[in-house]
N, C-alpha and C. Protein backbone atom coordinates (compact mmCIF):
# COMPACT_ATOMS: atom_id res chain seq x y z
N UNK A 1 110.49 118.80 86.98
CA UNK A 1 109.32 118.04 87.41
C UNK A 1 108.57 117.55 86.17
N UNK A 2 108.28 116.29 86.13
CA UNK A 2 107.54 115.70 85.03
C UNK A 2 106.05 115.81 85.31
N UNK A 3 105.32 116.42 84.37
CA UNK A 3 103.88 116.61 84.59
C UNK A 3 103.10 115.31 84.51
N UNK A 4 103.58 114.39 83.68
CA UNK A 4 102.84 113.15 83.48
C UNK A 4 103.71 111.97 83.91
N UNK A 5 103.46 111.44 85.09
CA UNK A 5 104.17 110.28 85.60
C UNK A 5 103.32 109.05 85.35
N UNK A 6 103.79 108.18 84.47
CA UNK A 6 103.04 106.97 84.17
C UNK A 6 103.12 106.00 85.34
N UNK A 7 102.05 105.32 85.57
CA UNK A 7 101.97 104.33 86.63
C UNK A 7 102.81 103.12 86.26
N UNK A 8 103.79 102.76 87.08
CA UNK A 8 104.65 101.62 86.72
C UNK A 8 103.89 100.31 86.77
N UNK A 9 104.22 99.44 85.83
CA UNK A 9 103.60 98.12 85.80
C UNK A 9 102.23 98.08 85.18
N UNK A 10 101.75 99.20 84.63
CA UNK A 10 100.42 99.22 84.03
C UNK A 10 100.56 99.10 82.52
N UNK A 11 99.96 98.09 81.94
CA UNK A 11 100.03 97.89 80.49
C UNK A 11 98.84 98.57 79.83
N UNK A 12 99.07 99.07 78.65
CA UNK A 12 98.00 99.70 77.88
C UNK A 12 96.96 98.64 77.50
N UNK A 13 95.70 98.99 77.57
CA UNK A 13 94.63 98.07 77.23
C UNK A 13 94.64 97.80 75.72
N UNK A 14 94.27 96.61 75.31
CA UNK A 14 94.28 96.31 73.87
C UNK A 14 93.21 97.11 73.14
N UNK A 15 93.49 97.38 71.87
CA UNK A 15 92.54 98.12 71.04
C UNK A 15 91.27 97.31 70.88
N UNK A 16 90.18 98.00 70.81
CA UNK A 16 88.89 97.33 70.70
C UNK A 16 88.06 97.90 69.57
N UNK A 17 86.77 97.90 69.77
CA UNK A 17 85.82 98.34 68.76
C UNK A 17 85.94 99.84 68.47
N UNK A 18 86.47 100.61 69.43
CA UNK A 18 86.55 102.06 69.23
C UNK A 18 87.43 102.43 68.04
N UNK A 19 88.48 101.68 67.79
CA UNK A 19 89.37 101.97 66.64
C UNK A 19 88.66 101.64 65.33
N UNK A 20 87.91 100.57 65.31
CA UNK A 20 87.15 100.22 64.11
C UNK A 20 86.12 101.31 63.81
N UNK A 21 85.45 101.77 64.85
CA UNK A 21 84.44 102.81 64.68
C UNK A 21 85.08 104.10 64.17
N UNK A 22 86.21 104.49 64.74
CA UNK A 22 86.87 105.72 64.32
C UNK A 22 87.36 105.63 62.87
N UNK A 23 87.77 104.45 62.43
CA UNK A 23 88.21 104.30 61.04
C UNK A 23 87.04 104.37 60.06
N UNK A 24 85.89 103.90 60.48
CA UNK A 24 84.74 103.87 59.57
C UNK A 24 83.92 105.17 59.56
N UNK A 25 84.10 106.01 60.55
CA UNK A 25 83.27 107.21 60.65
C UNK A 25 83.37 108.16 59.46
N UNK A 26 84.55 108.43 58.87
CA UNK A 26 84.56 109.32 57.70
C UNK A 26 83.72 108.79 56.55
N UNK A 27 83.80 107.49 56.28
CA UNK A 27 82.99 106.91 55.20
C UNK A 27 81.51 106.97 55.54
N UNK A 28 81.19 106.74 56.79
CA UNK A 28 79.78 106.81 57.21
C UNK A 28 79.26 108.24 57.09
N UNK A 29 80.09 109.19 57.46
CA UNK A 29 79.68 110.60 57.36
C UNK A 29 79.43 110.99 55.91
N UNK A 30 80.38 110.69 55.04
CA UNK A 30 80.23 111.07 53.63
C UNK A 30 79.13 110.28 52.94
N UNK A 31 79.14 108.95 53.12
CA UNK A 31 78.12 108.12 52.48
C UNK A 31 76.71 108.44 52.95
N UNK A 32 76.57 108.62 54.26
CA UNK A 32 75.25 108.96 54.80
C UNK A 32 74.76 110.31 54.32
N UNK A 33 75.67 111.27 54.23
CA UNK A 33 75.27 112.60 53.74
C UNK A 33 74.82 112.54 52.28
N UNK A 34 75.53 111.76 51.48
CA UNK A 34 75.14 111.64 50.07
C UNK A 34 73.80 110.93 49.92
N UNK A 35 73.62 109.85 50.67
CA UNK A 35 72.36 109.10 50.58
C UNK A 35 71.20 109.95 51.08
N UNK A 36 71.42 110.66 52.17
CA UNK A 36 70.34 111.49 52.72
C UNK A 36 70.06 112.72 51.86
N UNK A 37 71.00 113.11 51.02
CA UNK A 37 70.79 114.24 50.13
C UNK A 37 70.09 113.87 48.83
N UNK A 38 69.94 112.58 48.57
CA UNK A 38 69.29 112.13 47.34
C UNK A 38 67.85 112.61 47.17
N UNK A 39 67.01 112.64 48.20
CA UNK A 39 65.64 113.13 47.98
C UNK A 39 65.60 114.56 47.46
N UNK A 40 66.56 115.37 47.82
CA UNK A 40 66.60 116.74 47.33
C UNK A 40 66.90 116.76 45.82
N UNK A 41 67.78 115.88 45.38
CA UNK A 41 68.09 115.78 43.95
C UNK A 41 66.91 115.20 43.20
N UNK A 42 66.28 114.18 43.77
CA UNK A 42 65.13 113.55 43.11
C UNK A 42 63.97 114.53 43.00
N UNK A 43 63.80 115.37 44.00
CA UNK A 43 62.69 116.34 43.98
C UNK A 43 62.85 117.33 42.83
N UNK A 44 64.08 117.59 42.41
CA UNK A 44 64.30 118.51 41.29
C UNK A 44 64.16 117.82 39.93
N UNK A 45 64.33 116.50 39.91
CA UNK A 45 64.31 115.77 38.64
C UNK A 45 62.89 115.35 38.25
N UNK A 46 62.10 114.91 39.21
CA UNK A 46 60.77 114.40 38.86
C UNK A 46 59.85 115.55 38.48
N UNK A 47 58.94 115.30 37.55
CA UNK A 47 57.99 116.35 37.18
C UNK A 47 56.88 116.48 38.23
N UNK A 48 56.58 117.71 38.61
CA UNK A 48 55.53 117.98 39.59
C UNK A 48 54.28 118.42 38.86
N UNK A 49 53.13 117.92 39.31
CA UNK A 49 51.86 118.33 38.72
C UNK A 49 51.39 119.59 39.43
N UNK A 50 50.75 120.44 38.70
CA UNK A 50 50.25 121.68 39.28
C UNK A 50 51.06 122.86 38.77
N UNK A 51 50.93 123.97 39.45
CA UNK A 51 51.61 125.19 39.01
C UNK A 51 53.09 125.15 39.40
N UNK A 52 53.83 126.08 38.83
CA UNK A 52 55.26 126.16 39.12
C UNK A 52 55.49 126.56 40.58
N UNK A 53 54.60 127.39 41.11
CA UNK A 53 54.73 127.81 42.50
C UNK A 53 54.53 126.61 43.44
N UNK A 54 53.59 125.73 43.12
CA UNK A 54 53.39 124.53 43.94
C UNK A 54 54.63 123.64 43.91
N UNK A 55 55.22 123.51 42.74
CA UNK A 55 56.42 122.69 42.62
C UNK A 55 57.57 123.28 43.43
N UNK A 56 57.72 124.59 43.40
CA UNK A 56 58.79 125.23 44.17
C UNK A 56 58.57 125.06 45.68
N UNK A 57 57.32 125.12 46.12
CA UNK A 57 57.02 124.92 47.54
C UNK A 57 57.36 123.49 47.95
N UNK A 58 57.00 122.53 47.11
CA UNK A 58 57.31 121.13 47.43
C UNK A 58 58.81 120.89 47.46
N UNK A 59 59.53 121.44 46.49
CA UNK A 59 60.99 121.28 46.46
C UNK A 59 61.62 121.93 47.69
N UNK A 60 61.14 123.12 48.07
CA UNK A 60 61.67 123.80 49.25
C UNK A 60 61.39 122.99 50.52
N UNK A 61 60.21 122.39 50.59
CA UNK A 61 59.87 121.56 51.75
C UNK A 61 60.79 120.34 51.84
N UNK A 62 61.03 119.71 50.70
CA UNK A 62 61.94 118.56 50.68
C UNK A 62 63.34 119.00 51.10
N UNK A 63 63.79 120.16 50.60
CA UNK A 63 65.12 120.67 50.96
C UNK A 63 65.24 120.93 52.45
N UNK A 64 64.21 121.48 53.06
CA UNK A 64 64.23 121.77 54.49
C UNK A 64 64.31 120.48 55.30
N UNK A 65 63.52 119.49 54.92
CA UNK A 65 63.53 118.21 55.64
C UNK A 65 64.88 117.52 55.46
N UNK A 66 65.41 117.53 54.25
CA UNK A 66 66.71 116.90 53.98
C UNK A 66 67.81 117.59 54.77
N UNK A 67 67.78 118.91 54.82
CA UNK A 67 68.78 119.64 55.60
C UNK A 67 68.72 119.25 57.07
N UNK A 68 67.55 119.15 57.61
CA UNK A 68 67.40 118.75 59.01
C UNK A 68 67.90 117.34 59.27
N UNK A 69 67.60 116.42 58.37
CA UNK A 69 68.01 115.03 58.55
C UNK A 69 69.54 114.90 58.39
N UNK A 70 70.12 115.64 57.45
CA UNK A 70 71.58 115.60 57.27
C UNK A 70 72.28 116.17 58.50
N UNK A 71 71.79 117.25 59.05
CA UNK A 71 72.38 117.82 60.27
C UNK A 71 72.23 116.85 61.44
N UNK A 72 71.10 116.18 61.53
CA UNK A 72 70.91 115.16 62.56
C UNK A 72 71.92 114.02 62.39
N UNK A 73 72.15 113.62 61.16
CA UNK A 73 73.13 112.56 60.86
C UNK A 73 74.53 113.00 61.29
N UNK A 74 74.92 114.23 60.94
CA UNK A 74 76.23 114.75 61.33
C UNK A 74 76.37 114.78 62.86
N UNK A 75 75.31 115.19 63.54
CA UNK A 75 75.34 115.24 65.00
C UNK A 75 75.50 113.85 65.60
N UNK A 76 74.81 112.87 65.04
CA UNK A 76 74.93 111.50 65.53
C UNK A 76 76.34 110.96 65.30
N UNK A 77 76.92 111.24 64.13
CA UNK A 77 78.28 110.78 63.85
C UNK A 77 79.27 111.46 64.79
N UNK A 78 79.09 112.75 65.03
CA UNK A 78 79.97 113.46 65.95
C UNK A 78 79.85 112.90 67.37
N UNK A 79 78.66 112.56 67.80
CA UNK A 79 78.46 111.99 69.12
C UNK A 79 79.15 110.63 69.25
N UNK A 80 79.04 109.81 68.23
CA UNK A 80 79.71 108.51 68.25
C UNK A 80 81.22 108.70 68.24
N UNK A 81 81.71 109.68 67.48
CA UNK A 81 83.16 109.95 67.44
C UNK A 81 83.66 110.40 68.81
N UNK A 82 82.93 111.26 69.47
CA UNK A 82 83.33 111.72 70.81
C UNK A 82 83.36 110.54 71.78
N UNK A 83 82.37 109.67 71.72
CA UNK A 83 82.34 108.50 72.60
C UNK A 83 83.52 107.58 72.33
N UNK A 84 83.86 107.37 71.05
CA UNK A 84 84.98 106.50 70.70
C UNK A 84 86.30 107.10 71.16
N UNK A 85 86.45 108.42 71.04
CA UNK A 85 87.68 109.08 71.50
C UNK A 85 87.79 108.98 73.02
N UNK A 86 86.68 109.13 73.72
CA UNK A 86 86.71 109.00 75.18
C UNK A 86 87.15 107.59 75.58
N UNK A 87 86.62 106.58 74.92
CA UNK A 87 87.02 105.20 75.22
C UNK A 87 88.50 105.01 74.89
N UNK A 88 88.96 105.58 73.79
CA UNK A 88 90.37 105.48 73.40
C UNK A 88 91.28 106.11 74.44
N UNK A 89 90.89 107.27 74.92
CA UNK A 89 91.69 107.96 75.94
C UNK A 89 91.67 107.18 77.26
N UNK A 90 90.52 106.66 77.62
CA UNK A 90 90.42 105.93 78.88
C UNK A 90 91.20 104.62 78.85
N UNK A 91 91.42 104.05 77.67
CA UNK A 91 92.21 102.82 77.57
C UNK A 91 93.70 103.10 77.52
N UNK A 92 94.08 104.35 77.51
CA UNK A 92 95.49 104.72 77.45
C UNK A 92 96.22 104.40 78.74
N UNK A 93 97.47 104.84 78.83
CA UNK A 93 98.26 104.53 80.02
C UNK A 93 97.71 105.23 81.26
N UNK A 94 97.93 104.61 82.40
CA UNK A 94 97.49 105.20 83.67
C UNK A 94 98.59 106.13 84.18
N UNK A 95 98.18 107.19 84.84
CA UNK A 95 99.11 108.16 85.38
C UNK A 95 98.97 108.25 86.90
N UNK A 96 100.07 108.58 87.55
CA UNK A 96 100.09 108.75 89.00
C UNK A 96 99.67 110.17 89.30
N UNK A 97 98.72 110.33 90.18
CA UNK A 97 98.28 111.66 90.57
C UNK A 97 99.24 112.24 91.59
N UNK A 98 99.32 113.56 91.64
CA UNK A 98 100.15 114.22 92.64
C UNK A 98 99.55 114.01 94.01
N UNK A 99 100.41 113.84 94.97
CA UNK A 99 99.95 113.65 96.35
C UNK A 99 99.43 114.97 96.89
N UNK A 100 98.35 114.90 97.61
CA UNK A 100 97.79 116.08 98.25
C UNK A 100 97.70 115.77 99.74
N UNK A 101 98.61 116.32 100.53
CA UNK A 101 98.62 115.98 101.96
C UNK A 101 97.41 116.58 102.68
N UNK A 102 96.78 115.78 103.49
CA UNK A 102 95.67 116.23 104.29
C UNK A 102 96.12 116.33 105.74
N UNK A 103 96.32 117.52 106.26
CA UNK A 103 96.84 117.65 107.62
C UNK A 103 95.86 117.19 108.69
N UNK A 104 94.58 117.25 108.41
CA UNK A 104 93.59 116.88 109.42
C UNK A 104 92.75 115.69 108.94
N UNK A 105 93.40 114.69 108.46
CA UNK A 105 92.66 113.57 107.88
C UNK A 105 91.92 112.76 108.93
N UNK A 106 92.50 112.57 110.12
CA UNK A 106 91.86 111.73 111.13
C UNK A 106 90.88 112.49 112.02
N UNK A 107 91.18 113.74 112.30
CA UNK A 107 90.29 114.53 113.16
C UNK A 107 90.31 115.99 112.68
N UNK A 108 89.27 116.73 112.93
CA UNK A 108 89.22 118.12 112.49
C UNK A 108 90.32 118.94 113.16
N UNK A 109 90.77 119.95 112.43
CA UNK A 109 91.79 120.83 113.00
C UNK A 109 91.13 121.75 114.03
N UNK A 110 91.91 122.32 114.98
CA UNK A 110 91.35 123.20 116.00
C UNK A 110 90.72 124.46 115.41
N UNK A 111 91.17 124.87 114.25
CA UNK A 111 90.62 126.08 113.64
C UNK A 111 89.17 125.86 113.18
N UNK A 112 88.82 124.65 112.82
CA UNK A 112 87.47 124.39 112.30
C UNK A 112 86.45 124.22 113.41
N UNK A 113 86.87 124.01 114.65
CA UNK A 113 85.91 123.79 115.75
C UNK A 113 85.37 125.08 116.30
N UNK A 114 85.96 126.19 115.97
CA UNK A 114 85.48 127.49 116.50
C UNK A 114 84.22 127.95 115.86
């Protein structure tokens, strides 16, 4: 028994924007992470006025915000990747479902009327 019976006469849908998106996502993930991580690097390079403790607090605050924004970026990229994969799968070949006979399709069976 073949588990996957393709629907005869059904042609695969042409590739669309989902393939372009999937090809660009690794570069977007890496490039976006690097760009979003720049404020953390800049916070360590620029001189801070005040005490050393104040500078450390400011740097830690920048690091916390950058970490949150980078994780948000990764989540957005993952969400777009999942959506593109779903579209890719849905454009794939159609399959025939197994038949499920319904013995009481037109009227209820006598067992259900009791």
